[in-house]
Amino acid sequence: MEIIHVDDVQQMIDKLKNQDVYVHLEMTTGAYAAHYDSSKHPAANFITNAVIRYAHGSISGNGPYRVGLKMEKGWIYAEGLTHYEQNDKERLIMAGHDTQGKLVVALQLSREPF
């Protein structure tokens, strides 16, 4: 993965809009966060291979970044993104890593299931 280049990510977001795409979205503070620091509340969410269609999507911020996808009946929003990968299968994979390099948030879009 490489550090997010806003123009590249925005271009791919635009390329995938107005069509059915698969989404993967997850966030975690770490399954064992409370074991190491009792002041931290462990939290997580995960959705994968849900089919969505968005009419507008954008990336914003100065890093870490936010991505919002506007659908007909709602939004998908991810904040804290730091890295991305675009591969030849037309998948956009974005992730946010903490200062220790651990995954905190991921947002992935693809024309094919993950």
Protein backbone atom coordinates (compact mmCIF):
# COMPACT_ATOMS: atom_id res chain seq x y z
CA MET A 1 0.00 0.00 0.00
CA GLU A 2 1.08 3.57 -0.54
CA ILE A 3 0.25 6.90 1.04
CA ILE A 4 -3.01 8.27 -0.35
CA HIS A 5 -2.74 10.49 -3.42
CA VAL A 6 -6.04 12.39 -3.37
CA ASP A 7 -6.30 12.87 -7.15
CA ASP A 8 -5.74 9.14 -7.84
CA VAL A 9 -8.30 8.06 -5.26
CA GLN A 10 -10.88 10.61 -6.45
CA GLN A 11 -10.40 9.43 -10.03
CA MET A 12 -11.15 5.83 -9.04
CA ILE A 13 -14.13 6.85 -6.90
CA ASP A 14 -15.53 8.68 -9.92
CA LYS A 15 -14.82 5.71 -12.20
CA LEU A 16 -16.92 3.37 -10.02
CA LYS A 17 -19.93 5.65 -9.44
CA ASN A 18 -23.40 4.99 -10.89
CA GLN A 19 -22.85 1.25 -11.13
CA ASP A 20 -23.26 -1.73 -8.84
CA VAL A 21 -20.10 -2.26 -6.82
CA TYR A 22 -19.19 -4.41 -3.86
CA VAL A 23 -18.19 -2.66 -0.67
CA HIS A 24 -16.08 -3.80 2.23
CA LEU A 25 -16.04 -1.52 5.29
CA GLU A 26 -14.47 -2.23 8.64
CA MET A 27 -13.28 -0.36 11.69
CA THR A 28 -11.59 -1.69 14.77
CA THR A 29 -9.86 -0.38 17.85
CA GLY A 30 -8.38 -3.83 18.23
CA ALA A 31 -10.04 -6.91 19.65
CA TYR A 32 -7.85 -6.77 22.74
CA ALA A 33 -7.57 -2.99 23.16
CA ALA A 34 -9.02 -3.05 26.68
CA HIS A 35 -6.54 -5.76 27.78
CA TYR A 36 -3.60 -3.43 27.10
CA ASP A 37 -5.20 -0.17 28.20
CA SER A 38 -8.34 -0.28 30.34
CA SER A 39 -9.23 3.26 29.28
CA LYS A 40 -9.78 2.08 25.70
CA HIS A 41 -13.13 0.70 24.73
CA PRO A 42 -12.82 -2.10 22.18
CA ALA A 43 -15.05 -1.51 19.18
CA ALA A 44 -15.38 -2.93 15.69
CA ASN A 45 -17.66 -3.11 12.69
CA PHE A 46 -17.50 -5.14 9.52
CA ILE A 47 -19.54 -5.42 6.35
CA THR A 48 -18.34 -7.15 3.22
CA ASN A 49 -19.64 -7.91 -0.27
CA ALA A 50 -22.70 -5.71 0.09
CA VAL A 51 -23.74 -4.36 -3.31
CA ILE A 52 -24.17 -0.59 -3.44
CA ARG A 53 -24.58 2.10 -6.06
CA TYR A 54 -23.49 5.66 -5.32
CA ALA A 55 -24.19 8.78 -7.34
CA HIS A 56 -21.52 10.92 -5.75
CA GLY A 57 -18.31 10.12 -3.92
CA SER A 58 -15.49 12.27 -2.65
CA ILE A 59 -12.29 12.19 -0.66
CA SER A 60 -11.43 15.13 1.56
CA GLY A 61 -9.11 16.20 4.32
CA ASN A 62 -5.40 16.77 4.67
CA GLY A 63 -4.54 13.31 5.94
CA PRO A 64 -5.86 11.20 7.44
CA TYR A 65 -8.62 11.42 4.84
CA ARG A 66 -12.39 11.00 4.73
CA VAL A 67 -14.37 9.30 1.96
CA GLY A 68 -18.11 9.74 1.61
CA LEU A 69 -20.33 7.90 -0.86
CA LYS A 70 -23.84 9.31 -1.46
CA MET A 71 -26.38 6.66 -2.35
CA GLU A 72 -30.02 7.08 -3.28
CA LYS A 73 -31.12 6.37 0.28
CA GLY A 74 -28.18 7.15 2.49
CA TRP A 75 -24.45 7.52 2.91
CA ILE A 76 -21.37 5.43 3.49
CA TYR A 77 -18.62 7.32 5.26
CA ALA A 78 -15.13 6.34 6.39
CA GLU A 79 -12.67 8.57 8.22
CA GLY A 80 -9.04 8.03 9.15
CA LEU A 81 -7.81 6.68 5.80
CA THR A 82 -4.07 6.93 5.22
CA HIS A 83 -3.13 4.43 2.49
CA TYR A 84 -4.52 3.00 -0.73
CA GLU A 85 -3.93 0.37 -3.35
CA GLN A 86 -5.42 0.17 -6.81
CA ASN A 87 -4.97 -3.06 -8.67
CA ASP A 88 -5.67 -4.36 -12.14
CA LYS A 89 -9.06 -5.82 -11.13
CA GLU A 90 -10.41 -2.29 -10.74
CA ARG A 91 -10.57 -2.49 -6.99
CA LEU A 92 -9.96 0.52 -4.82
CA ILE A 93 -8.59 -0.53 -1.46
CA MET A 94 -8.15 2.15 1.19
CA ALA A 95 -7.00 1.71 4.77
CA GLY A 96 -6.16 3.76 7.80
CA HIS A 97 -3.27 2.69 10.00
CA ASP A 98 -2.35 3.91 13.45
CA THR A 99 1.13 5.05 14.50
CA GLN A 100 2.09 1.42 15.12
CA GLY A 101 1.01 0.41 11.61
CA LYS A 102 -2.08 -1.47 12.80
CA LEU A 103 -5.29 -1.35 10.78
CA VAL A 104 -7.92 0.99 12.20
CA VAL A 105 -10.29 1.45 9.25
CA ALA A 106 -10.70 0.00 5.76
CA LEU A 107 -12.96 0.94 2.85
CA GLN A 108 -12.78 -1.11 -0.31
CA LEU A 109 -14.77 -0.86 -3.55
CA SER A 110 -14.79 -3.38 -6.37
CA ARG A 111 -16.76 -4.54 -9.40
CA GLU A 112 -16.13 -8.10 -8.19
CA PRO A 113 -16.75 -9.67 -4.76
CA PHE A 114 -13.93 -9.67 -2.24
